[in-house]
Amino acid sequence: MDDPYLNDLRGEFNSYSNQLKKLRKKLLKTNSLDEQSKIIKQIDSIAKKMENNQKQSVKVTKSRLKERKKKSKK
């Protein structure tokens, strides 16, 4: 489905995914417990954003599908 809003959500999700990869590498390299704690908090924050992004994507997709069904019935 090619939808500008869904494409934006997909782009955001990919951005979050890239951020997580970078943070994971940073987490593996550091030995400081304080730094590890900060990185883990950032990872948790990004994971929550990703979850919300996915929920929004599902809602929008369902909405778009309903719109298509209504149009096809007319």
C-alpha atoms as a PDB file:
ATOM      1  CA  MET A   1       0.000   0.000   0.000  1.00  0.00           C
ATOM      2  CA  ASP A   2       1.527   3.296  -1.078  1.00  0.00           C
ATOM      3  CA  ASP A   3       0.390   5.944   1.373  1.00  0.00           C
ATOM      4  CA  PRO A   4       2.408   9.056   2.270  1.00  0.00           C
ATOM      5  CA  TYR A   5       1.600   8.844   5.980  1.00  0.00           C
ATOM      6  CA  LEU A   6       2.447   5.147   6.148  1.00  0.00           C
ATOM      7  CA  ASN A   7       5.657   5.840   4.252  1.00  0.00           C
ATOM      8  CA  ASP A   8       6.558   8.466   6.878  1.00  0.00           C
ATOM      9  CA  LEU A   9       5.859   5.987   9.667  1.00  0.00           C
ATOM     10  CA  ARG A  10       7.992   3.375   7.905  1.00  0.00           C
ATOM     11  CA  GLY A  11      10.807   5.910   7.577  1.00  0.00           C
ATOM     12  CA  GLU A  12      10.602   6.774  11.270  1.00  0.00           C
ATOM     13  CA  PHE A  13      10.690   3.100  12.169  1.00  0.00           C
ATOM     14  CA  ASN A  14      13.801   2.562  10.052  1.00  0.00           C
ATOM     15  CA  SER A  15      15.423   5.567  11.712  1.00  0.00           C
ATOM     16  CA  TYR A  16      14.667   4.137  15.163  1.00  0.00           C
ATOM     17  CA  SER A  17      16.084   0.810  14.053  1.00  0.00           C
ATOM     18  CA  ASN A  18      19.328   2.453  12.937  1.00  0.00           C
ATOM     19  CA  GLN A  19      19.580   4.329  16.235  1.00  0.00           C
ATOM     20  CA  LEU A  20      19.168   1.053  18.124  1.00  0.00           C
ATOM     21  CA  LYS A  21      21.963  -0.561  16.128  1.00  0.00           C
ATOM     22  CA  LYS A  22      24.294   2.315  16.956  1.00  0.00           C
ATOM     23  CA  LEU A  23      23.369   2.245  20.640  1.00  0.00           C
ATOM     24  CA  ARG A  24      23.879  -1.514  20.763  1.00  0.00           C
ATOM     25  CA  LYS A  25      27.412  -1.140  19.395  1.00  0.00           C
ATOM     26  CA  LYS A  26      28.083   1.669  21.853  1.00  0.00           C
ATOM     27  CA  LEU A  27      26.741  -0.450  24.721  1.00  0.00           C
ATOM     28  CA  LEU A  28      28.991  -3.360  23.821  1.00  0.00           C
ATOM     29  CA  LYS A  29      32.078  -1.126  23.673  1.00  0.00           C
ATOM     30  CA  THR A  30      31.653   0.680  26.989  1.00  0.00           C
ATOM     31  CA  ASN A  31      32.739  -0.666  30.355  1.00  0.00           C
ATOM     32  CA  SER A  32      31.284   2.138  32.456  1.00  0.00           C
ATOM     33  CA  LEU A  33      28.194   1.097  34.398  1.00  0.00           C
ATOM     34  CA  ASP A  34      26.870   4.664  34.373  1.00  0.00           C
ATOM     35  CA  GLU A  35      27.266   4.894  30.612  1.00  0.00           C
ATOM     36  CA  GLN A  36      25.645   1.485  30.150  1.00  0.00           C
ATOM     37  CA  SER A  37      22.701   2.585  32.260  1.00  0.00           C
ATOM     38  CA  LYS A  38      22.221   5.724  30.155  1.00  0.00           C
ATOM     39  CA  ILE A  39      22.408   3.736  26.933  1.00  0.00           C
ATOM     40  CA  ILE A  40      19.873   1.193  28.198  1.00  0.00           C
ATOM     41  CA  LYS A  41      17.466   4.016  29.076  1.00  0.00           C
ATOM     42  CA  GLN A  42      17.876   5.403  25.555  1.00  0.00           C
ATOM     43  CA  ILE A  43      17.230   1.960  24.095  1.00  0.00           C
ATOM     44  CA  ASP A  44      14.068   1.610  26.185  1.00  0.00           C
ATOM     45  CA  SER A  45      12.867   5.016  25.038  1.00  0.00           C
ATOM     46  CA  ILE A  46      13.438   4.187  21.383  1.00  0.00           C
ATOM     47  CA  ALA A  47      11.748   0.797  21.810  1.00  0.00           C
ATOM     48  CA  LYS A  48       8.638   2.534  23.178  1.00  0.00           C
ATOM     49  CA  LYS A  49       8.647   4.937  20.230  1.00  0.00           C
ATOM     50  CA  MET A  50       8.931   1.986  17.848  1.00  0.00           C
ATOM     51  CA  GLU A  51       6.034   0.234  19.553  1.00  0.00           C
ATOM     52  CA  ASN A  52       3.848   3.337  19.276  1.00  0.00           C
ATOM     53  CA  ASN A  53       4.898   3.719  15.653  1.00  0.00           C
ATOM     54  CA  GLN A  54       3.822   0.149  14.900  1.00  0.00           C
ATOM     55  CA  LYS A  55       0.480   0.615  16.674  1.00  0.00           C
ATOM     56  CA  GLN A  56      -0.167   3.756  14.645  1.00  0.00           C
ATOM     57  CA  SER A  57       0.793   1.950  11.427  1.00  0.00           C
ATOM     58  CA  VAL A  58      -1.694  -0.829  12.166  1.00  0.00           C
ATOM     59  CA  LYS A  59      -4.471   1.676  12.901  1.00  0.00           C
ATOM     60  CA  VAL A  60      -3.812   3.629   9.722  1.00  0.00           C
ATOM     61  CA  THR A  61      -3.572   0.489   7.607  1.00  0.00           C
ATOM     62  CA  LYS A  62      -6.896  -0.814   8.935  1.00  0.00           C
ATOM     63  CA  SER A  63      -8.478   2.576   8.314  1.00  0.00           C
ATOM     64  CA  ARG A  64      -7.158   2.704   4.744  1.00  0.00           C
ATOM     65  CA  LEU A  65      -8.408  -0.810   4.061  1.00  0.00           C
ATOM     66  CA  LYS A  66     -11.886   0.114   5.320  1.00  0.00           C
ATOM     67  CA  GLU A  67     -11.872   3.157   3.052  1.00  0.00           C
ATOM     68  CA  ARG A  68     -10.954   0.982   0.076  1.00  0.00           C
ATOM     69  CA  LYS A  69     -13.733  -1.488   0.845  1.00  0.00           C
ATOM     70  CA  LYS A  70     -16.281   1.326   1.080  1.00  0.00           C
ATOM     71  CA  LYS A  71     -15.115   2.767  -2.248  1.00  0.00           C
ATOM     72  CA  SER A  72     -15.216  -0.599  -3.979  1.00  0.00           C
ATOM     73  CA  LYS A  73     -18.793  -1.269  -2.788  1.00  0.00           C
ATOM     74  CA  LYS A  74     -20.025   1.996  -4.313  1.00  0.00           C
END
